[in-house]
Amino acid sequence: DNIVSARALYGGTYTMFNDILIKMGIEVKFVDAEDPQNFADAADEKTRAFFCESCSNPALEICDLEAISALAHEKGLPLICDS
């Protein structure tokens, strides 16, 4: 299984996604969240969710939650947003 995630994340979240989840068999695909289509393009049949931060820490990138949510729901996936 995998998660498609914004690449600009709080350090602890990035460490969990990059170093810990893989040990549990969960791959995380990191994408540039400034283009919501990147989430859909990275998704495949094993994708279980999209993840982003409403305002990334510390980069302060703002995700288009409405667009990312629409793309997730088109694929039958939840969008998990850390705010």
C-alpha atoms as a PDB file:
ATOM      1  CA  ASP A   1       0.000   0.000   0.000  1.00  0.00           C
ATOM      2  CA  ASN A   2       1.030   3.622  -0.389  1.00  0.00           C
ATOM      3  CA  ILE A   3       0.135   7.189   0.475  1.00  0.00           C
ATOM      4  CA  VAL A   4       0.646  10.151  -1.831  1.00  0.00           C
ATOM      5  CA  SER A   5       1.913  13.061   0.251  1.00  0.00           C
ATOM      6  CA  ALA A   6       2.951  16.647  -0.210  1.00  0.00           C
ATOM      7  CA  ARG A   7       6.737  16.841  -0.020  1.00  0.00           C
ATOM      8  CA  ALA A   8       6.843  20.000   2.111  1.00  0.00           C
ATOM      9  CA  LEU A   9       6.114  18.618   5.589  1.00  0.00           C
ATOM     10  CA  TYR A  10       6.912  19.147   9.242  1.00  0.00           C
ATOM     11  CA  GLY A  11      10.176  17.321  10.002  1.00  0.00           C
ATOM     12  CA  GLY A  12       8.661  14.738  12.336  1.00  0.00           C
ATOM     13  CA  THR A  13       5.986  13.856   9.797  1.00  0.00           C
ATOM     14  CA  TYR A  14       8.573  13.564   7.044  1.00  0.00           C
ATOM     15  CA  THR A  15      10.695  11.240   9.192  1.00  0.00           C
ATOM     16  CA  MET A  16       7.690   9.048   9.946  1.00  0.00           C
ATOM     17  CA  PHE A  17       6.705   8.894   6.284  1.00  0.00           C
ATOM     18  CA  ASN A  18      10.220   8.471   4.872  1.00  0.00           C
ATOM     19  CA  ASP A  19      11.857   6.227   7.478  1.00  0.00           C
ATOM     20  CA  ILE A  20       9.244   4.506   9.641  1.00  0.00           C
ATOM     21  CA  LEU A  21       6.210   3.656   7.506  1.00  0.00           C
ATOM     22  CA  ILE A  22       8.366   1.849   4.949  1.00  0.00           C
ATOM     23  CA  LYS A  23       9.333  -0.605   7.699  1.00  0.00           C
ATOM     24  CA  MET A  24       5.615  -1.391   8.024  1.00  0.00           C
ATOM     25  CA  GLY A  25       5.281  -1.949   4.293  1.00  0.00           C
ATOM     26  CA  ILE A  26       3.709   1.434   3.535  1.00  0.00           C
ATOM     27  CA  GLU A  27       5.380   3.442   0.778  1.00  0.00           C
ATOM     28  CA  VAL A  28       4.968   7.212   0.679  1.00  0.00           C
ATOM     29  CA  LYS A  29       5.190   9.002  -2.657  1.00  0.00           C
ATOM     30  CA  PHE A  30       6.181  12.644  -2.195  1.00  0.00           C
ATOM     31  CA  VAL A  31       4.863  15.222  -4.667  1.00  0.00           C
ATOM     32  CA  ASP A  32       4.961  18.972  -5.194  1.00  0.00           C
ATOM     33  CA  ALA A  33       1.604  20.023  -3.723  1.00  0.00           C
ATOM     34  CA  GLU A  34       1.565  23.365  -5.522  1.00  0.00           C
ATOM     35  CA  ASP A  35       0.084  21.471  -8.491  1.00  0.00           C
ATOM     36  CA  PRO A  36      -2.801  19.325  -7.227  1.00  0.00           C
ATOM     37  CA  GLN A  37      -2.665  17.142 -10.343  1.00  0.00           C
ATOM     38  CA  ASN A  38       0.626  15.726  -9.023  1.00  0.00           C
ATOM     39  CA  PHE A  39      -1.365  13.803  -6.402  1.00  0.00           C
ATOM     40  CA  ALA A  40      -3.566  12.145  -9.008  1.00  0.00           C
ATOM     41  CA  ASP A  41      -0.613  11.431 -11.297  1.00  0.00           C
ATOM     42  CA  ALA A  42       1.298   9.657  -8.496  1.00  0.00           C
ATOM     43  CA  ALA A  43      -1.667   7.542  -7.369  1.00  0.00           C
ATOM     44  CA  ASP A  44      -1.975   3.920  -8.412  1.00  0.00           C
ATOM     45  CA  GLU A  45      -4.065   0.878  -7.492  1.00  0.00           C
ATOM     46  CA  LYS A  46      -2.228   0.558  -4.162  1.00  0.00           C
ATOM     47  CA  THR A  47      -2.808   4.168  -3.056  1.00  0.00           C
ATOM     48  CA  ARG A  48      -4.927   4.404   0.088  1.00  0.00           C
ATOM     49  CA  ALA A  49      -4.914   8.164   0.841  1.00  0.00           C
ATOM     50  CA  PHE A  50      -3.613  11.607  -0.058  1.00  0.00           C
ATOM     51  CA  PHE A  51      -1.885  13.616   2.689  1.00  0.00           C
ATOM     52  CA  CYS A  52      -0.972  17.280   3.003  1.00  0.00           C
ATOM     53  CA  GLU A  53      -0.618  20.070   5.522  1.00  0.00           C
ATOM     54  CA  SER A  54      -2.991  23.016   5.123  1.00  0.00           C
ATOM     55  CA  CYS A  55       0.021  25.284   5.561  1.00  0.00           C
ATOM     56  CA  SER A  56       3.286  23.391   5.425  1.00  0.00           C
ATOM     57  CA  ASN A  57       5.786  23.746   8.236  1.00  0.00           C
ATOM     58  CA  PRO A  58       8.290  25.343   7.860  1.00  0.00           C
ATOM     59  CA  ALA A  59       7.982  26.213   4.142  1.00  0.00           C
ATOM     60  CA  LEU A  60       4.534  27.843   4.515  1.00  0.00           C
ATOM     61  CA  GLU A  61       3.286  26.364   1.249  1.00  0.00           C
ATOM     62  CA  ILE A  62      -0.501  26.516   0.966  1.00  0.00           C
ATOM     63  CA  CYS A  63      -2.268  23.529  -0.594  1.00  0.00           C
ATOM     64  CA  ASP A  64      -5.366  23.883  -2.731  1.00  0.00           C
ATOM     65  CA  LEU A  65      -7.420  21.685  -0.429  1.00  0.00           C
ATOM     66  CA  GLU A  66     -10.540  21.869  -2.569  1.00  0.00           C
ATOM     67  CA  ALA A  67      -8.728  20.667  -5.698  1.00  0.00           C
ATOM     68  CA  ILE A  68      -6.720  17.960  -3.917  1.00  0.00           C
ATOM     69  CA  SER A  69      -9.856  16.754  -2.137  1.00  0.00           C
ATOM     70  CA  ALA A  70     -11.786  16.574  -5.416  1.00  0.00           C
ATOM     71  CA  LEU A  71      -9.003  14.528  -7.029  1.00  0.00           C
ATOM     72  CA  ALA A  72      -8.838  12.194  -4.031  1.00  0.00           C
ATOM     73  CA  HIS A  73     -12.580  11.661  -4.007  1.00  0.00           C
ATOM     74  CA  GLU A  74     -12.634  10.994  -7.771  1.00  0.00           C
ATOM     75  CA  LYS A  75     -10.338   8.061  -6.981  1.00  0.00           C
ATOM     76  CA  GLY A  76     -12.381   6.975  -3.941  1.00  0.00           C
ATOM     77  CA  LEU A  77      -9.610   8.043  -1.545  1.00  0.00           C
ATOM     78  CA  PRO A  78      -9.628  10.145   1.604  1.00  0.00           C
ATOM     79  CA  LEU A  79      -7.622  13.335   1.900  1.00  0.00           C
ATOM     80  CA  ILE A  80      -5.846  13.577   5.256  1.00  0.00           C
ATOM     81  CA  CYS A  81      -4.945  17.169   6.079  1.00  0.00           C
ATOM     82  CA  ASP A  82      -2.807  18.182   9.031  1.00  0.00           C
ATOM     83  CA  SER A  83      -3.690  21.701  10.076  1.00  0.00           C
END
